[in-house]
C-alpha atoms as a PDB file:
ATOM      1  CA  MET A   1      -0.069  -0.228  -0.149  1.00  0.00           C
ATOM      2  CA  MET A   2       2.781   2.470   0.958  1.00  0.00           C
ATOM      3  CA  LYS A   3       4.492   1.726  -2.440  1.00  0.00           C
ATOM      4  CA  ARG A   4       0.934   2.403  -4.056  1.00  0.00           C
ATOM      5  CA  LEU A   5       0.544   5.634  -2.204  1.00  0.00           C
ATOM      6  CA  ALA A   6       4.088   6.750  -3.489  1.00  0.00           C
ATOM      7  CA  ALA A   7       3.258   6.210  -6.981  1.00  0.00           C
ATOM      8  CA  GLU A   8      -0.027   7.917  -6.710  1.00  0.00           C
ATOM      9  CA  PHE A   9       2.280  11.118  -4.741  1.00  0.00           C
ATOM     10  CA  PHE A  10       4.993  11.221  -7.296  1.00  0.00           C
ATOM     11  CA  GLY A  11       2.438  10.747 -10.368  1.00  0.00           C
ATOM     12  CA  THR A  12       0.671  13.686  -9.263  1.00  0.00           C
ATOM     13  CA  PHE A  13       3.666  15.731  -8.326  1.00  0.00           C
ATOM     14  CA  CYS A  14       4.575  15.209 -12.158  1.00  0.00           C
ATOM     15  CA  LEU A  15       1.340  16.203 -13.414  1.00  0.00           C
ATOM     16  CA  VAL A  16       0.799  19.487 -11.499  1.00  0.00           C
ATOM     17  CA  PHE A  17       4.171  20.504 -11.747  1.00  0.00           C
ATOM     18  CA  ALA A  18       4.393  19.790 -15.848  1.00  0.00           C
ATOM     19  CA  GLY A  19       0.613  20.874 -16.306  1.00  0.00           C
ATOM     20  CA  THR A  20       0.716  23.863 -14.461  1.00  0.00           C
ATOM     21  CA  GLY A  21       4.193  24.698 -14.580  1.00  0.00           C
ATOM     22  CA  ALA A  22       3.808  25.001 -18.386  1.00  0.00           C
ATOM     23  CA  ILE A  23       0.727  27.575 -17.697  1.00  0.00           C
ATOM     24  CA  VAL A  24       3.503  29.689 -15.511  1.00  0.00           C
ATOM     25  CA  ILE A  25       6.179  29.343 -18.092  1.00  0.00           C
ATOM     26  CA  ASN A  26       4.086  30.460 -20.905  1.00  0.00           C
ATOM     27  CA  GLU A  27       3.002  33.668 -19.012  1.00  0.00           C
ATOM     28  CA  VAL A  28       6.838  34.184 -17.955  1.00  0.00           C
ATOM     29  CA  SER A  29       7.586  33.782 -21.534  1.00  0.00           C
ATOM     30  CA  HIS A  30       5.106  35.899 -23.307  1.00  0.00           C
ATOM     31  CA  GLY A  31       3.257  33.062 -25.085  1.00  0.00           C
ATOM     32  CA  ALA A  32       6.502  31.052 -25.772  1.00  0.00           C
ATOM     33  CA  ILE A  33       4.324  27.882 -25.274  1.00  0.00           C
ATOM     34  CA  GLY A  34       1.181  28.746 -26.523  1.00  0.00           C
ATOM     35  CA  HIS A  35      -2.197  27.093 -25.562  1.00  0.00           C
ATOM     36  CA  ALA A  36      -1.755  23.949 -27.757  1.00  0.00           C
ATOM     37  CA  GLY A  37       1.690  23.667 -26.166  1.00  0.00           C
ATOM     38  CA  ILE A  38      -0.017  23.715 -22.922  1.00  0.00           C
ATOM     39  CA  ALA A  39      -2.808  21.539 -23.534  1.00  0.00           C
ATOM     40  CA  LEU A  40      -0.295  18.864 -25.182  1.00  0.00           C
ATOM     41  CA  THR A  41       2.077  19.055 -21.872  1.00  0.00           C
ATOM     42  CA  PHE A  42      -1.056  18.031 -19.830  1.00  0.00           C
ATOM     43  CA  GLY A  43      -2.050  14.987 -22.273  1.00  0.00           C
ATOM     44  CA  LEU A  44       1.668  13.830 -22.298  1.00  0.00           C
ATOM     45  CA  VAL A  45       2.493  13.983 -18.435  1.00  0.00           C
ATOM     46  CA  VAL A  46      -0.744  11.683 -17.729  1.00  0.00           C
ATOM     47  CA  LEU A  47       0.511   9.384 -20.605  1.00  0.00           C
ATOM     48  CA  ALA A  48       4.174   9.133 -19.165  1.00  0.00           C
ATOM     49  CA  MET A  49       2.835   8.552 -15.795  1.00  0.00           C
ATOM     50  CA  ILE A  50       0.243   6.039 -16.568  1.00  0.00           C
ATOM     51  CA  TYR A  51       3.418   4.120 -18.092  1.00  0.00           C
ATOM     52  CA  THR A  52       5.475   4.909 -15.340  1.00  0.00           C
ATOM     53  CA  VAL A  53       3.185   3.760 -12.224  1.00  0.00           C
ATOM     54  CA  GLY A  54       0.481   2.486 -14.116  1.00  0.00           C
ATOM     55  CA  ASP A  55       1.456  -1.088 -12.923  1.00  0.00           C
ATOM     56  CA  ILE A  56       1.767  -0.047  -9.253  1.00  0.00           C
ATOM     57  CA  SER A  57      -1.161   2.231  -8.216  1.00  0.00           C
ATOM     58  CA  GLY A  58      -3.323   2.332 -11.250  1.00  0.00           C
ATOM     59  CA  ALA A  59      -2.051   5.929 -12.004  1.00  0.00           C
ATOM     60  CA  HIS A  60      -5.610   7.625 -11.051  1.00  0.00           C
ATOM     61  CA  LEU A  61      -3.425  11.071 -10.319  1.00  0.00           C
ATOM     62  CA  ASN A  62      -6.980  12.428  -9.717  1.00  0.00           C
ATOM     63  CA  PRO A  63      -9.387  12.094  -6.639  1.00  0.00           C
ATOM     64  CA  ALA A  64     -12.551  12.180  -9.312  1.00  0.00           C
ATOM     65  CA  VAL A  65     -10.772   9.283 -11.142  1.00  0.00           C
ATOM     66  CA  THR A  66     -10.399   7.399  -7.741  1.00  0.00           C
ATOM     67  CA  LEU A  67     -14.138   8.366  -6.564  1.00  0.00           C
ATOM     68  CA  GLY A  68     -15.134   7.148  -9.901  1.00  0.00           C
ATOM     69  CA  PHE A  69     -13.258   3.749  -9.631  1.00  0.00           C
ATOM     70  CA  VAL A  70     -15.404   3.221  -6.048  1.00  0.00           C
ATOM     71  CA  GLY A  71     -18.374   4.259  -7.886  1.00  0.00           C
ATOM     72  CA  ALA A  72     -18.008   1.541 -10.655  1.00  0.00           C
ATOM     73  CA  ARG A  73     -17.049  -1.255  -7.505  1.00  0.00           C
ATOM     74  CA  ARG A  74     -13.679  -1.600  -9.108  1.00  0.00           C
ATOM     75  CA  PHE A  75     -11.661   0.176  -6.094  1.00  0.00           C
ATOM     76  CA  PRO A  76     -12.121  -0.498  -2.600  1.00  0.00           C
ATOM     77  CA  ALA A  77     -13.865   2.412  -0.825  1.00  0.00           C
ATOM     78  CA  ALA A  78     -11.653   2.064   2.012  1.00  0.00           C
ATOM     79  CA  ASP A  79      -8.510   2.932   0.103  1.00  0.00           C
ATOM     80  CA  ALA A  80     -10.174   5.720  -1.522  1.00  0.00           C
ATOM     81  CA  VAL A  81      -8.899   8.557   1.306  1.00  0.00           C
ATOM     82  CA  PRO A  82      -5.405   7.336   1.376  1.00  0.00           C
ATOM     83  CA  TYR A  83      -5.401   7.914  -2.236  1.00  0.00           C
ATOM     84  CA  ILE A  84      -6.946  10.843  -2.227  1.00  0.00           C
ATOM     85  CA  LEU A  85      -4.726  12.301   0.554  1.00  0.00           C
ATOM     86  CA  SER A  86      -1.490  11.114  -1.498  1.00  0.00           C
ATOM     87  CA  GLN A  87      -2.809  13.009  -4.671  1.00  0.00           C
ATOM     88  CA  CYS A  88      -3.365  15.980  -2.948  1.00  0.00           C
ATOM     89  CA  ALA A  89      -0.076  16.029  -1.326  1.00  0.00           C
ATOM     90  CA  GLY A  90       1.939  15.311  -4.673  1.00  0.00           C
ATOM     91  CA  ALA A  91      -0.064  18.474  -6.130  1.00  0.00           C
ATOM     92  CA  PHE A  92       0.648  20.701  -3.136  1.00  0.00           C
ATOM     93  CA  ALA A  93       4.366  19.689  -3.355  1.00  0.00           C
ATOM     94  CA  ALA A  94       4.240  20.800  -6.963  1.00  0.00           C
ATOM     95  CA  SER A  95       2.444  23.876  -6.363  1.00  0.00           C
ATOM     96  CA  GLY A  96       4.667  24.806  -3.728  1.00  0.00           C
ATOM     97  CA  PHE A  97       7.928  24.126  -5.718  1.00  0.00           C
ATOM     98  CA  LEU A  98       6.600  26.222  -8.643  1.00  0.00           C
ATOM     99  CA  ARG A  99       5.889  29.227  -5.773  1.00  0.00           C
ATOM    100  CA  VAL A 100       9.834  28.685  -4.802  1.00  0.00           C
ATOM    101  CA  LEU A 101      10.991  28.761  -8.691  1.00  0.00           C
ATOM    102  CA  PHE A 102       8.463  31.571  -9.791  1.00  0.00           C
ATOM    103  CA  PRO A 103       7.561  33.658  -6.623  1.00  0.00           C
ATOM    104  CA  GLU A 104       6.221  36.720  -8.797  1.00  0.00           C
ATOM    105  CA  ASN A 105       3.360  34.470 -10.687  1.00  0.00           C
ATOM    106  CA  ALA A 106       0.228  35.355  -9.281  1.00  0.00           C
ATOM    107  CA  THR A 107      -1.761  32.559  -9.839  1.00  0.00           C
ATOM    108  CA  LEU A 108       0.516  29.337 -10.377  1.00  0.00           C
ATOM    109  CA  GLY A 109      -1.716  28.096 -13.106  1.00  0.00           C
ATOM    110  CA  ALA A 110      -4.789  28.149 -10.887  1.00  0.00           C
ATOM    111  CA  THR A 111      -8.043  27.352 -12.970  1.00  0.00           C
ATOM    112  CA  LEU A 112     -10.618  30.300 -13.167  1.00  0.00           C
ATOM    113  CA  PRO A 113     -13.636  30.563 -15.502  1.00  0.00           C
ATOM    114  CA  ALA A 114     -13.367  32.844 -18.484  1.00  0.00           C
ATOM    115  CA  GLY A 115     -17.235  33.059 -18.525  1.00  0.00           C
ATOM    116  CA  THR A 116     -19.763  31.965 -16.114  1.00  0.00           C
ATOM    117  CA  ALA A 117     -19.077  30.029 -12.900  1.00  0.00           C
ATOM    118  CA  TRP A 118     -22.108  27.601 -13.863  1.00  0.00           C
ATOM    119  CA  GLN A 119     -20.673  27.911 -17.824  1.00  0.00           C
ATOM    120  CA  SER A 120     -17.737  26.265 -16.540  1.00  0.00           C
ATOM    121  CA  PHE A 121     -19.226  23.783 -14.022  1.00  0.00           C
ATOM    122  CA  ALA A 122     -21.199  22.431 -16.578  1.00  0.00           C
ATOM    123  CA  LEU A 123     -18.141  22.020 -19.123  1.00  0.00           C
ATOM    124  CA  GLU A 124     -16.192  20.600 -16.221  1.00  0.00           C
ATOM    125  CA  VAL A 125     -18.901  17.947 -15.432  1.00  0.00           C
ATOM    126  CA  ALA A 126     -19.024  17.188 -19.350  1.00  0.00           C
ATOM    127  CA  LEU A 127     -15.283  16.962 -19.302  1.00  0.00           C
ATOM    128  CA  ALA A 128     -14.656  14.676 -16.376  1.00  0.00           C
ATOM    129  CA  ALA A 129     -17.508  12.661 -17.550  1.00  0.00           C
ATOM    130  CA  ILE A 130     -15.946  12.222 -21.015  1.00  0.00           C
ATOM    131  CA  LEU A 131     -12.283  11.413 -19.598  1.00  0.00           C
ATOM    132  CA  MET A 132     -13.840   8.702 -16.817  1.00  0.00           C
ATOM    133  CA  PHE A 133     -15.782   6.979 -19.753  1.00  0.00           C
ATOM    134  CA  VAL A 134     -12.408   6.494 -21.829  1.00  0.00           C
ATOM    135  CA  ILE A 135     -10.980   5.386 -18.383  1.00  0.00           C
ATOM    136  CA  LEU A 136     -13.235   2.771 -17.487  1.00  0.00           C
ATOM    137  CA  GLY A 137     -13.311   1.451 -21.200  1.00  0.00           C
ATOM    138  CA  VAL A 138      -9.645   1.156 -21.105  1.00  0.00           C
ATOM    139  CA  SER A 139      -8.672   0.057 -17.735  1.00  0.00           C
ATOM    140  CA  THR A 140      -8.056  -3.271 -15.926  1.00  0.00           C
ATOM    141  CA  GLY A 141     -10.315  -3.121 -12.701  1.00  0.00           C
ATOM    142  CA  ALA A 142      -8.870  -0.104 -11.507  1.00  0.00           C
ATOM    143  CA  LYS A 143      -5.576  -0.071 -13.124  1.00  0.00           C
ATOM    144  CA  GLU A 144      -4.724   2.722 -16.073  1.00  0.00           C
ATOM    145  CA  LYS A 145      -2.147   0.845 -17.718  1.00  0.00           C
ATOM    146  CA  GLY A 146      -0.650  -0.827 -20.800  1.00  0.00           C
ATOM    147  CA  ILE A 147      -0.144   1.064 -24.460  1.00  0.00           C
ATOM    148  CA  THR A 148      -4.155   1.336 -24.700  1.00  0.00           C
ATOM    149  CA  ALA A 149      -4.996   3.065 -21.725  1.00  0.00           C
ATOM    150  CA  GLY A 150      -1.730   5.478 -22.015  1.00  0.00           C
ATOM    151  CA  ILE A 151      -2.496   6.661 -25.624  1.00  0.00           C
ATOM    152  CA  ALA A 152      -6.117   7.192 -24.932  1.00  0.00           C
ATOM    153  CA  VAL A 153      -6.187   8.829 -21.583  1.00  0.00           C
ATOM    154  CA  GLY A 154      -3.734  11.085 -22.655  1.00  0.00           C
ATOM    155  CA  ALA A 155      -5.227  11.905 -25.919  1.00  0.00           C
ATOM    156  CA  VAL A 156      -8.488  12.772 -24.296  1.00  0.00           C
ATOM    157  CA  ILE A 157      -7.101  15.003 -21.533  1.00  0.00           C
ATOM    158  CA  ALA A 158      -5.178  16.773 -24.506  1.00  0.00           C
ATOM    159  CA  PHE A 159      -8.082  17.338 -26.676  1.00  0.00           C
ATOM    160  CA  GLU A 160     -10.396  18.542 -24.301  1.00  0.00           C
ATOM    161  CA  ALA A 161      -7.822  21.007 -22.739  1.00  0.00           C
ATOM    162  CA  MET A 162      -7.038  22.170 -26.067  1.00  0.00           C
ATOM    163  CA  PHE A 163     -10.763  23.094 -26.973  1.00  0.00           C
ATOM    164  CA  ALA A 164     -12.352  23.826 -23.262  1.00  0.00           C
ATOM    165  CA  GLY A 165      -9.084  25.092 -21.626  1.00  0.00           C
ATOM    166  CA  PRO A 166      -9.724  28.447 -22.787  1.00  0.00           C
ATOM    167  CA  ILE A 167     -12.990  28.773 -21.344  1.00  0.00           C
ATOM    168  CA  CYS A 168     -13.064  26.832 -17.834  1.00  0.00           C
ATOM    169  CA  GLY A 169      -9.355  25.492 -17.737  1.00  0.00           C
ATOM    170  CA  ALA A 170     -10.187  22.034 -18.530  1.00  0.00           C
ATOM    171  CA  SER A 171      -9.033  21.157 -15.021  1.00  0.00           C
ATOM    172  CA  MET A 172     -10.996  17.730 -14.682  1.00  0.00           C
ATOM    173  CA  ASN A 173      -9.153  17.019 -11.301  1.00  0.00           C
ATOM    174  CA  PRO A 174      -9.760  18.262  -8.004  1.00  0.00           C
ATOM    175  CA  ALA A 175      -6.208  18.142  -7.012  1.00  0.00           C
ATOM    176  CA  ARG A 176      -4.820  19.754  -9.661  1.00  0.00           C
ATOM    177  CA  SER A 177      -7.009  22.915  -8.968  1.00  0.00           C
ATOM    178  CA  LEU A 178      -7.157  22.720  -5.277  1.00  0.00           C
ATOM    179  CA  ALA A 179      -3.174  23.143  -4.994  1.00  0.00           C
ATOM    180  CA  PRO A 180      -2.519  26.104  -7.046  1.00  0.00           C
ATOM    181  CA  ALA A 181      -5.286  27.843  -5.497  1.00  0.00           C
ATOM    182  CA  VAL A 182      -4.604  27.386  -1.848  1.00  0.00           C
ATOM    183  CA  ILE A 183      -0.866  28.177  -2.589  1.00  0.00           C
ATOM    184  CA  SER A 184      -1.889  31.038  -4.622  1.00  0.00           C
ATOM    185  CA  GLY A 185      -4.266  32.280  -2.666  1.00  0.00           C
ATOM    186  CA  HIS A 186      -6.893  32.402  -5.162  1.00  0.00           C
ATOM    187  CA  PHE A 187     -10.168  30.725  -4.181  1.00  0.00           C
ATOM    188  CA  GLU A 188     -12.523  32.198  -6.624  1.00  0.00           C
ATOM    189  CA  HIS A 189     -15.058  29.501  -8.298  1.00  0.00           C
ATOM    190  CA  LEU A 190     -12.930  26.729  -6.569  1.00  0.00           C
ATOM    191  CA  TRP A 191     -15.976  25.184  -5.934  1.00  0.00           C
ATOM    192  CA  VAL A 192     -16.351  24.384  -9.430  1.00  0.00           C
ATOM    193  CA  TYR A 193     -13.347  22.634  -9.878  1.00  0.00           C
ATOM    194  CA  LEU A 194     -13.946  20.429  -6.903  1.00  0.00           C
ATOM    195  CA  ALA A 195     -17.412  19.379  -7.388  1.00  0.00           C
ATOM    196  CA  ALA A 196     -18.020  19.242 -11.245  1.00  0.00           C
ATOM    197  CA  PRO A 197     -15.018  16.508 -11.858  1.00  0.00           C
ATOM    198  CA  ILE A 198     -16.483  14.271  -9.272  1.00  0.00           C
ATOM    199  CA  LEU A 199     -20.002  14.383 -10.502  1.00  0.00           C
ATOM    200  CA  GLY A 200     -18.670  13.957 -14.099  1.00  0.00           C
ATOM    201  CA  ALA A 201     -16.712  10.793 -12.852  1.00  0.00           C
ATOM    202  CA  LEU A 202     -19.739   9.201 -11.179  1.00  0.00           C
ATOM    203  CA  LEU A 203     -22.062  10.259 -14.435  1.00  0.00           C
ATOM    204  CA  ALA A 204     -19.610   8.120 -16.338  1.00  0.00           C
ATOM    205  CA  VAL A 205     -20.069   4.868 -14.339  1.00  0.00           C
ATOM    206  CA  GLY A 206     -23.790   4.901 -15.399  1.00  0.00           C
ATOM    207  CA  ALA A 207     -22.817   5.836 -19.079  1.00  0.00           C
ATOM    208  CA  CYS A 208     -20.245   2.863 -18.712  1.00  0.00           C
ATOM    209  CA  ARG A 209     -23.200   0.317 -17.390  1.00  0.00           C
ATOM    210  CA  CYS A 210     -25.675   1.375 -20.252  1.00  0.00           C
ATOM    211  CA  VAL A 211     -22.857   0.413 -23.090  1.00  0.00           C
ATOM    212  CA  ARG A 212     -20.807  -2.376 -21.861  1.00  0.00           C
ATOM    213  CA  GLU A 213     -21.080  -5.746 -20.752  1.00  0.00           C
ATOM    214  CA  SER A 214     -23.104  -6.861 -17.798  1.00  0.00           C
ATOM    215  CA  GLY A 215     -20.734  -7.102 -14.980  1.00  0.00           C
ATOM    216  CA  CYS A 216     -18.542  -4.523 -16.192  1.00  0.00           C
ATOM    217  CA  CYS A 217     -18.720  -2.221 -13.117  1.00  0.00           C
ATOM    218  CA  CYS A 218     -19.378  -4.827 -10.270  1.00  0.00           C
ATOM    219  CA  ALA A 219     -17.980  -5.510  -6.832  1.00  0.00           C
ATOM    220  CA  ALA A 220     -15.970  -8.492  -7.918  1.00  0.00           C
ATOM    221  CA  LYS A 221     -14.024  -5.755  -9.983  1.00  0.00           C
ATOM    222  CA  CYS A 222     -12.217  -4.682  -6.621  1.00  0.00           C
ATOM    223  CA  ALA A 223     -10.290  -7.751  -6.358  1.00  0.00           C
ATOM    224  CA  SER A 224      -7.884  -6.576  -9.569  1.00  0.00           C
ATOM    225  CA  ALA A 225      -7.388  -3.127  -8.161  1.00  0.00           C
ATOM    226  CA  ASN A 226      -4.978  -4.631  -5.594  1.00  0.00           C
END
């Protein structure tokens, strides 16, 4: 269990450090990375982490994904809190490191709506639902691992960030939004990025049950999570 928690910590650290770091560096360098580069960074770092720690912890890297697996009965509910705490710890470590490196940056890549809060809430629910739907389709039990999972999940995150990022930030991940918000002191509309991804992930469980074979999301799957 400790190795799994360490994997979630380091994987989430890499996700937040590279993803929000790309946002910060893009601002510092006056747009050198660009929106497309930021979106690709998020997708590529998730792809890399799935290949790296997917066989250890499942490479959830996201509290909403962990809770989605719990809702699908592929992951033991008792393990959810330790996983989420490890993910949040990794995210906070990454945002803290970025604060040390870029003390002048105002937001550290925090997600903030460009339009109304409810517009971003609806977008985040839809984005998280699509992401979790894909994850449930390509994962084994509660583990994202293998060539298919890495490419599929990384691609979904990249294309969702590509088209929705300018409006809602395309977080899809409470830990990714919580850490930079707290470290930078920007709590505006944080509720959107905590609640919407979780709701979207749980909605995806119902969608998965509608289209996949009987027994796809059942208690027996929990055994394969470990």
